[in-house]
Amino acid sequence: RFRLFRAQYWGGPSTYGEERGHPRLRMRHAPFAVNSDAATRWLHHFRAGLDAADLTPEQDEQFWAYVTHAAQFLRNTPD
């Protein structure tokens, strides 16, 4: 599902939306406590994945900007 979401978000086929509807990220993550520590840990692992990928600096910058925004947007639990 995550692969399909990323592909659709970055301009690929709309398979995610066709199969699952609107992403509704906050709603889909609501059952999970996401505080600043969880967001930081998620970003740590995402950074490792991006570092292992063969991205151009521009792609890396765009993707990192998206995930850092998403990590803060999905916070739903106070520290």
PDB file of N, CA and C in Angstrom:
ATOM      1  N   ARG A   1       0.828  -1.199   0.000  1.00  0.00           N
ATOM      2  CA  ARG A   1       0.000   0.000   0.000  1.00  0.00           C
ATOM      3  C   ARG A   1       0.867   1.256   0.000  1.00  0.00           C
ATOM      4  N   PHE A   2       1.919   1.241   0.799  1.00  0.00           N
ATOM      5  CA  PHE A   2       2.776   2.424   0.873  1.00  0.00           C
ATOM      6  C   PHE A   2       3.456   2.698  -0.460  1.00  0.00           C
ATOM      7  N   ARG A   3       3.877   1.635  -1.117  1.00  0.00           N
ATOM      8  CA  ARG A   3       4.504   1.803  -2.437  1.00  0.00           C
ATOM      9  C   ARG A   3       3.518   2.423  -3.418  1.00  0.00           C
ATOM     10  N   LEU A   4       2.279   1.932  -3.414  1.00  0.00           N
ATOM     11  CA  LEU A   4       1.252   2.481  -4.304  1.00  0.00           C
ATOM     12  C   LEU A   4       0.957   3.943  -3.978  1.00  0.00           C
ATOM     13  N   PHE A   5       0.890   4.261  -2.667  1.00  0.00           N
ATOM     14  CA  PHE A   5       0.652   5.648  -2.265  1.00  0.00           C
ATOM     15  C   PHE A   5       1.766   6.554  -2.778  1.00  0.00           C
ATOM     16  N   ARG A   6       3.022   6.151  -2.545  1.00  0.00           N
ATOM     17  CA  ARG A   6       4.152   6.986  -2.987  1.00  0.00           C
ATOM     18  C   ARG A   6       4.133   7.157  -4.496  1.00  0.00           C
ATOM     19  N   ALA A   7       3.867   6.078  -5.223  1.00  0.00           N
ATOM     20  CA  ALA A   7       3.846   6.179  -6.693  1.00  0.00           C
ATOM     21  C   ALA A   7       2.785   7.177  -7.142  1.00  0.00           C
ATOM     22  N   GLN A   8       1.601   7.091  -6.549  1.00  0.00           N
ATOM     23  CA  GLN A   8       0.529   8.011  -6.939  1.00  0.00           C
ATOM     24  C   GLN A   8       0.868   9.440  -6.549  1.00  0.00           C
ATOM     25  N   TYR A   9       1.394   9.639  -5.340  1.00  0.00           N
ATOM     26  CA  TYR A   9       1.713  10.988  -4.870  1.00  0.00           C
ATOM     27  C   TYR A   9       2.717  11.676  -5.782  1.00  0.00           C
ATOM     28  N   TRP A  10       3.681  10.907  -6.281  1.00  0.00           N
ATOM     29  CA  TRP A  10       4.733  11.493  -7.102  1.00  0.00           C
ATOM     30  C   TRP A  10       4.413  11.431  -8.592  1.00  0.00           C
ATOM     31  N   GLY A  11       3.137  11.265  -8.940  1.00  0.00           N
ATOM     32  CA  GLY A  11       2.733  11.403 -10.330  1.00  0.00           C
ATOM     33  C   GLY A  11       2.579  10.112 -11.108  1.00  0.00           C
ATOM     34  N   GLY A  12       2.679   8.980 -10.428  1.00  0.00           N
ATOM     35  CA  GLY A  12       2.511   7.699 -11.109  1.00  0.00           C
ATOM     36  C   GLY A  12       1.040   7.341 -11.249  1.00  0.00           C
ATOM     37  N   PRO A  13       0.765   6.080 -11.526  1.00  0.00           N
ATOM     38  CA  PRO A  13      -0.618   5.649 -11.723  1.00  0.00           C
ATOM     39  C   PRO A  13      -1.462   5.859 -10.466  1.00  0.00           C
ATOM     40  N   SER A  14      -2.750   6.000 -10.660  1.00  0.00           N
ATOM     41  CA  SER A  14      -3.671   6.282  -9.550  1.00  0.00           C
ATOM     42  C   SER A  14      -4.219   5.005  -8.920  1.00  0.00           C
ATOM     43  N   THR A  15      -3.440   3.946  -8.946  1.00  0.00           N
ATOM     44  CA  THR A  15      -3.877   2.653  -8.413  1.00  0.00           C
ATOM     45  C   THR A  15      -4.268   2.749  -6.946  1.00  0.00           C
ATOM     46  N   TYR A  16      -3.486   3.480  -6.150  1.00  0.00           N
ATOM     47  CA  TYR A  16      -3.804   3.598  -4.721  1.00  0.00           C
ATOM     48  C   TYR A  16      -5.207   4.162  -4.535  1.00  0.00           C
ATOM     49  N   GLY A  17      -5.492   5.253  -5.191  1.00  0.00           N
ATOM     50  CA  GLY A  17      -6.796   5.890  -5.070  1.00  0.00           C
ATOM     51  C   GLY A  17      -7.921   5.009  -5.582  1.00  0.00           C
ATOM     52  N   GLU A  18      -7.674   4.299  -6.650  1.00  0.00           N
ATOM     53  CA  GLU A  18      -8.694   3.413  -7.212  1.00  0.00           C
ATOM     54  C   GLU A  18      -8.995   2.251  -6.265  1.00  0.00           C
ATOM     55  N   GLU A  19      -7.966   1.752  -5.595  1.00  0.00           N
ATOM     56  CA  GLU A  19      -8.153   0.600  -4.712  1.00  0.00           C
ATOM     57  C   GLU A  19      -8.570   1.000  -3.293  1.00  0.00           C
ATOM     58  N   ARG A  20      -8.067   2.139  -2.795  1.00  0.00           N
ATOM     59  CA  ARG A  20      -8.271   2.477  -1.392  1.00  0.00           C
ATOM     60  C   ARG A  20      -8.969   3.811  -1.167  1.00  0.00           C
ATOM     61  N   GLY A  21      -9.201   4.576  -2.207  1.00  0.00           N
ATOM     62  CA  GLY A  21      -9.822   5.880  -2.041  1.00  0.00           C
ATOM     63  C   GLY A  21      -8.801   6.938  -1.649  1.00  0.00           C
ATOM     64  N   HIS A  22      -9.304   8.081  -1.185  1.00  0.00           N
ATOM     65  CA  HIS A  22      -8.441   9.178  -0.765  1.00  0.00           C
ATOM     66  C   HIS A  22      -7.500   8.689   0.331  1.00  0.00           C
ATOM     67  N   PRO A  23      -6.242   9.142   0.342  1.00  0.00           N
ATOM     68  CA  PRO A  23      -5.303   8.651   1.344  1.00  0.00           C
ATOM     69  C   PRO A  23      -5.734   8.858   2.808  1.00  0.00           C
ATOM     70  N   ARG A  24      -6.366   9.977   3.121  1.00  0.00           N
ATOM     71  CA  ARG A  24      -6.826  10.232   4.495  1.00  0.00           C
ATOM     72  C   ARG A  24      -5.763   9.848   5.521  1.00  0.00           C
ATOM     73  N   LEU A  25      -4.584  10.418   5.353  1.00  0.00           N
ATOM     74  CA  LEU A  25      -3.461  10.023   6.191  1.00  0.00           C
ATOM     75  C   LEU A  25      -3.732  10.185   7.682  1.00  0.00           C
ATOM     76  N   ARG A  26      -4.285  11.321   8.074  1.00  0.00           N
ATOM     77  CA  ARG A  26      -4.540  11.514   9.511  1.00  0.00           C
ATOM     78  C   ARG A  26      -5.537  10.481  10.028  1.00  0.00           C
ATOM     79  N   MET A  27      -6.585  10.218   9.287  1.00  0.00           N
ATOM     80  CA  MET A  27      -7.576   9.241   9.719  1.00  0.00           C
ATOM     81  C   MET A  27      -6.961   7.837   9.806  1.00  0.00           C
ATOM     82  N   ARG A  28      -6.187   7.469   8.802  1.00  0.00           N
ATOM     83  CA  ARG A  28      -5.610   6.126   8.784  1.00  0.00           C
ATOM     84  C   ARG A  28      -4.572   5.930   9.886  1.00  0.00           C
ATOM     85  N   HIS A  29      -3.947   7.008  10.345  1.00  0.00           N
ATOM     86  CA  HIS A  29      -2.954   6.895  11.409  1.00  0.00           C
ATOM     87  C   HIS A  29      -3.534   7.183  12.791  1.00  0.00           C
ATOM     88  N   ALA A  30      -4.796   7.574  12.867  1.00  0.00           N
ATOM     89  CA  ALA A  30      -5.421   7.923  14.147  1.00  0.00           C
ATOM     90  C   ALA A  30      -5.345   6.807  15.189  1.00  0.00           C
ATOM     91  N   PRO A  31      -5.449   5.529  14.823  1.00  0.00           N
ATOM     92  CA  PRO A  31      -5.386   4.485  15.850  1.00  0.00           C
ATOM     93  C   PRO A  31      -4.014   4.363  16.525  1.00  0.00           C
ATOM     94  N   PHE A  32      -3.006   5.005  15.954  1.00  0.00           N
ATOM     95  CA  PHE A  32      -1.646   4.884  16.462  1.00  0.00           C
ATOM     96  C   PHE A  32      -1.223   6.168  17.150  1.00  0.00           C
ATOM     97  N   ALA A  33      -0.614   6.055  18.311  1.00  0.00           N
ATOM     98  CA  ALA A  33      -0.102   7.237  19.013  1.00  0.00           C
ATOM     99  C   ALA A  33       1.138   7.732  18.274  1.00  0.00           C
ATOM    100  N   VAL A  34       1.048   8.941  17.751  1.00  0.00           N
ATOM    101  CA  VAL A  34       2.181   9.537  17.041  1.00  0.00           C
ATOM    102  C   VAL A  34       2.544  10.823  17.781  1.00  0.00           C
ATOM    103  N   ASN A  35       3.603  10.736  18.588  1.00  0.00           N
ATOM    104  CA  ASN A  35       4.103  11.923  19.279  1.00  0.00           C
ATOM    105  C   ASN A  35       5.413  12.340  18.618  1.00  0.00           C
ATOM    106  N   SER A  36       6.096  13.317  19.179  1.00  0.00           N
ATOM    107  CA  SER A  36       7.322  13.802  18.531  1.00  0.00           C
ATOM    108  C   SER A  36       8.402  12.720  18.509  1.00  0.00           C
ATOM    109  N   ASP A  37       8.457  11.868  19.543  1.00  0.00           N
ATOM    110  CA  ASP A  37       9.443  10.788  19.550  1.00  0.00           C
ATOM    111  C   ASP A  37       9.161   9.797  18.421  1.00  0.00           C
ATOM    112  N   ALA A  38       7.909   9.419  18.247  1.00  0.00           N
ATOM    113  CA  ALA A  38       7.549   8.494  17.167  1.00  0.00           C
ATOM    114  C   ALA A  38       7.865   9.110  15.804  1.00  0.00           C
ATOM    115  N   ALA A  39       7.556  10.395  15.642  1.00  0.00           N
ATOM    116  CA  ALA A  39       7.844  11.075  14.377  1.00  0.00           C
ATOM    117  C   ALA A  39       9.352  11.091  14.112  1.00  0.00           C
ATOM    118  N   THR A  40      10.138  11.354  15.142  1.00  0.00           N
ATOM    119  CA  THR A  40      11.594  11.384  14.998  1.00  0.00           C
ATOM    120  C   THR A  40      12.142  10.015  14.634  1.00  0.00           C
ATOM    121  N   ARG A  41      11.632   8.970  15.269  1.00  0.00           N
ATOM    122  CA  ARG A  41      12.085   7.610  14.950  1.00  0.00           C
ATOM    123  C   ARG A  41      11.715   7.237  13.522  1.00  0.00           C
ATOM    124  N   TRP A  42      10.491   7.601  13.100  1.00  0.00           N
ATOM    125  CA  TRP A  42      10.056   7.315  11.735  1.00  0.00           C
ATOM    126  C   TRP A  42      10.974   8.021  10.738  1.00  0.00           C
ATOM    127  N   LEU A  43      11.275   9.288  11.020  1.00  0.00           N
ATOM    128  CA  LEU A  43      12.147  10.043  10.120  1.00  0.00           C
ATOM    129  C   LEU A  43      13.556   9.448  10.090  1.00  0.00           C
ATOM    130  N   HIS A  44      14.027   8.957  11.213  1.00  0.00           N
ATOM    131  CA  HIS A  44      15.353   8.331  11.258  1.00  0.00           C
ATOM    132  C   HIS A  44      15.413   7.158  10.271  1.00  0.00           C
ATOM    133  N   HIS A  45      14.396   6.314  10.302  1.00  0.00           N
ATOM    134  CA  HIS A  45      14.381   5.157   9.407  1.00  0.00           C
ATOM    135  C   HIS A  45      14.137   5.577   7.953  1.00  0.00           C
ATOM    136  N   PHE A  46      13.332   6.592   7.756  1.00  0.00           N
ATOM    137  CA  PHE A  46      13.093   7.073   6.395  1.00  0.00           C
ATOM    138  C   PHE A  46      14.367   7.676   5.820  1.00  0.00           C
ATOM    139  N   ARG A  47      15.115   8.396   6.667  1.00  0.00           N
ATOM    140  CA  ARG A  47      16.381   8.985   6.207  1.00  0.00           C
ATOM    141  C   ARG A  47      17.340   7.893   5.765  1.00  0.00           C
ATOM    142  N   ALA A  48      17.402   6.803   6.531  1.00  0.00           N
ATOM    143  CA  ALA A  48      18.282   5.687   6.166  1.00  0.00           C
ATOM    144  C   ALA A  48      17.864   5.104   4.818  1.00  0.00           C
ATOM    145  N   GLY A  49      16.564   4.980   4.600  1.00  0.00           N
ATOM    146  CA  GLY A  49      16.081   4.467   3.323  1.00  0.00           C
ATOM    147  C   GLY A  49      16.416   5.395   2.170  1.00  0.00           C
ATOM    148  N   LEU A  50      16.248   6.680   2.386  1.00  0.00           N
ATOM    149  CA  LEU A  50      16.583   7.636   1.323  1.00  0.00           C
ATOM    150  C   LEU A  50      18.079   7.638   1.042  1.00  0.00           C
ATOM    151  N   ASP A  51      18.885   7.519   2.109  1.00  0.00           N
ATOM    152  CA  ASP A  51      20.338   7.491   1.907  1.00  0.00           C
ATOM    153  C   ASP A  51      20.769   6.263   1.110  1.00  0.00           C
ATOM    154  N   ALA A  52      20.018   5.171   1.247  1.00  0.00           N
ATOM    155  CA  ALA A  52      20.352   3.945   0.525  1.00  0.00           C
ATOM    156  C   ALA A  52      19.840   3.958  -0.918  1.00  0.00           C
ATOM    157  N   ALA A  53      18.916   4.856  -1.202  1.00  0.00           N
ATOM    158  CA  ALA A  53      18.342   4.934  -2.553  1.00  0.00           C
ATOM    159  C   ALA A  53      19.266   5.739  -3.463  1.00  0.00           C
ATOM    160  N   ASP A  54      19.146   5.494  -4.721  1.00  0.00           N
ATOM    161  CA  ASP A  54      19.968   6.195  -5.710  1.00  0.00           C
ATOM    162  C   ASP A  54      19.179   7.384  -6.260  1.00  0.00           C
ATOM    163  N   LEU A  55      19.026   8.404  -5.417  1.00  0.00           N
ATOM    164  CA  LEU A  55      18.256   9.582  -5.811  1.00  0.00           C
ATOM    165  C   LEU A  55      19.185  10.719  -6.194  1.00  0.00           C
ATOM    166  N   THR A  56      18.699  11.583  -7.045  1.00  0.00           N
ATOM    167  CA  THR A  56      19.439  12.808  -7.313  1.00  0.00           C
ATOM    168  C   THR A  56      19.281  13.714  -6.087  1.00  0.00           C
ATOM    169  N   PRO A  57      20.156  14.702  -5.919  1.00  0.00           N
ATOM    170  CA  PRO A  57      19.988  15.625  -4.802  1.00  0.00           C
ATOM    171  C   PRO A  57      18.621  16.315  -4.809  1.00  0.00           C
ATOM    172  N   GLU A  58      18.116  16.632  -5.990  1.00  0.00           N
ATOM    173  CA  GLU A  58      16.809  17.273  -6.088  1.00  0.00           C
ATOM    174  C   GLU A  58      15.694  16.339  -5.628  1.00  0.00           C
ATOM    175  N   GLN A  59      15.754  15.077  -6.060  1.00  0.00           N
ATOM    176  CA  GLN A  59      14.753  14.103  -5.628  1.00  0.00           C
ATOM    177  C   GLN A  59      14.806  13.901  -4.122  1.00  0.00           C
ATOM    178  N   ASP A  60      16.007  13.772  -3.587  1.00  0.00           N
ATOM    179  CA  ASP A  60      16.176  13.589  -2.152  1.00  0.00           C
ATOM    180  C   ASP A  60      15.590  14.777  -1.382  1.00  0.00           C
ATOM    181  N   GLU A  61      15.879  15.971  -1.840  1.00  0.00           N
ATOM    182  CA  GLU A  61      15.367  17.177  -1.178  1.00  0.00           C
ATOM    183  C   GLU A  61      13.840  17.216  -1.200  1.00  0.00           C
ATOM    184  N   GLN A  62      13.251  16.909  -2.342  1.00  0.00           N
ATOM    185  CA  GLN A  62      11.790  16.920  -2.445  1.00  0.00           C
ATOM    186  C   GLN A  62      11.159  15.859  -1.550  1.00  0.00           C
ATOM    187  N   PHE A  63      11.730  14.663  -1.559  1.00  0.00           N
ATOM    188  CA  PHE A  63      11.160  13.579  -0.764  1.00  0.00           C
ATOM    189  C   PHE A  63      11.331  13.877   0.721  1.00  0.00           C
ATOM    190  N   TRP A  64      12.507  14.362   1.120  1.00  0.00           N
ATOM    191  CA  TRP A  64      12.748  14.671   2.528  1.00  0.00           C
ATOM    192  C   TRP A  64      11.821  15.794   3.000  1.00  0.00           C
ATOM    193  N   ALA A  65      11.594  16.778   2.183  1.00  0.00           N
ATOM    194  CA  ALA A  65      10.658  17.853   2.556  1.00  0.00           C
ATOM    195  C   ALA A  65       9.257  17.283   2.770  1.00  0.00           C
ATOM    196  N   TYR A  66       8.843  16.370   1.907  1.00  0.00           N
ATOM    197  CA  TYR A  66       7.518  15.770   2.051  1.00  0.00           C
ATOM    198  C   TYR A  66       7.416  14.973   3.343  1.00  0.00           C
ATOM    199  N   VAL A  67       8.386  14.089   3.605  1.00  0.00           N
ATOM    200  CA  VAL A  67       8.257  13.223   4.778  1.00  0.00           C
ATOM    201  C   VAL A  67       8.425  13.989   6.089  1.00  0.00           C
ATOM    202  N   THR A  68       9.242  15.035   6.112  1.00  0.00           N
ATOM    203  CA  THR A  68       9.354  15.810   7.353  1.00  0.00           C
ATOM    204  C   THR A  68       8.052  16.554   7.626  1.00  0.00           C
ATOM    205  N   HIS A  69       7.413  17.042   6.583  1.00  0.00           N
ATOM    206  CA  HIS A  69       6.101  17.674   6.757  1.00  0.00           C
ATOM    207  C   HIS A  69       5.079  16.643   7.230  1.00  0.00           C
ATOM    208  N   ALA A  70       5.055  15.480   6.588  1.00  0.00           N
ATOM    209  CA  ALA A  70       4.095  14.435   6.947  1.00  0.00           C
ATOM    210  C   ALA A  70       4.281  13.986   8.389  1.00  0.00           C
ATOM    211  N   ALA A  71       5.525  13.859   8.834  1.00  0.00           N
ATOM    212  CA  ALA A  71       5.787  13.413  10.210  1.00  0.00           C
ATOM    213  C   ALA A  71       5.173  14.379  11.222  1.00  0.00           C
ATOM    214  N   GLN A  72       5.242  15.661  10.938  1.00  0.00           N
ATOM    215  CA  GLN A  72       4.642  16.637  11.855  1.00  0.00           C
ATOM    216  C   GLN A  72       3.119  16.674  11.713  1.00  0.00           C
ATOM    217  N   PHE A  73       2.640  16.550  10.507  1.00  0.00           N
ATOM    218  CA  PHE A  73       1.206  16.572  10.231  1.00  0.00           C
ATOM    219  C   PHE A  73       0.481  15.416  10.917  1.00  0.00           C
ATOM    220  N   LEU A  74       1.142  14.270  11.009  1.00  0.00           N
ATOM    221  CA  LEU A  74       0.501  13.074  11.556  1.00  0.00           C
ATOM    222  C   LEU A  74       0.610  12.972  13.076  1.00  0.00           C
ATOM    223  N   ARG A  75       1.302  13.896  13.704  1.00  0.00           N
ATOM    224  CA  ARG A  75       1.361  13.871  15.180  1.00  0.00           C
ATOM    225  C   ARG A  75      -0.040  14.050  15.726  1.00  0.00           C
ATOM    226  N   ASN A  76      -0.419  13.161  16.631  1.00  0.00           N
ATOM    227  CA  ASN A  76      -1.764  13.197  17.193  1.00  0.00           C
ATOM    228  C   ASN A  76      -1.791  12.975  18.707  1.00  0.00           C
ATOM    229  N   THR A  77      -0.611  12.904  19.308  1.00  0.00           N
ATOM    230  CA  THR A  77      -0.494  12.649  20.734  1.00  0.00           C
ATOM    231  C   THR A  77       0.512  13.624  21.338  1.00  0.00           C
ATOM    232  N   PRO A  78       0.147  14.298  22.421  1.00  0.00           N
ATOM    233  CA  PRO A  78       1.120  15.208  23.041  1.00  0.00           C
ATOM    234  C   PRO A  78       2.310  14.437  23.612  1.00  0.00           C
ATOM    235  N   ASP A  79       3.409  15.129  23.757  1.00  0.00           N
ATOM    236  CA  ASP A  79       4.614  14.494  24.306  1.00  0.00           C
ATOM    237  C   ASP A  79       4.497  14.220  25.774  1.00  0.00           C
TER     238      ASP A  79
END
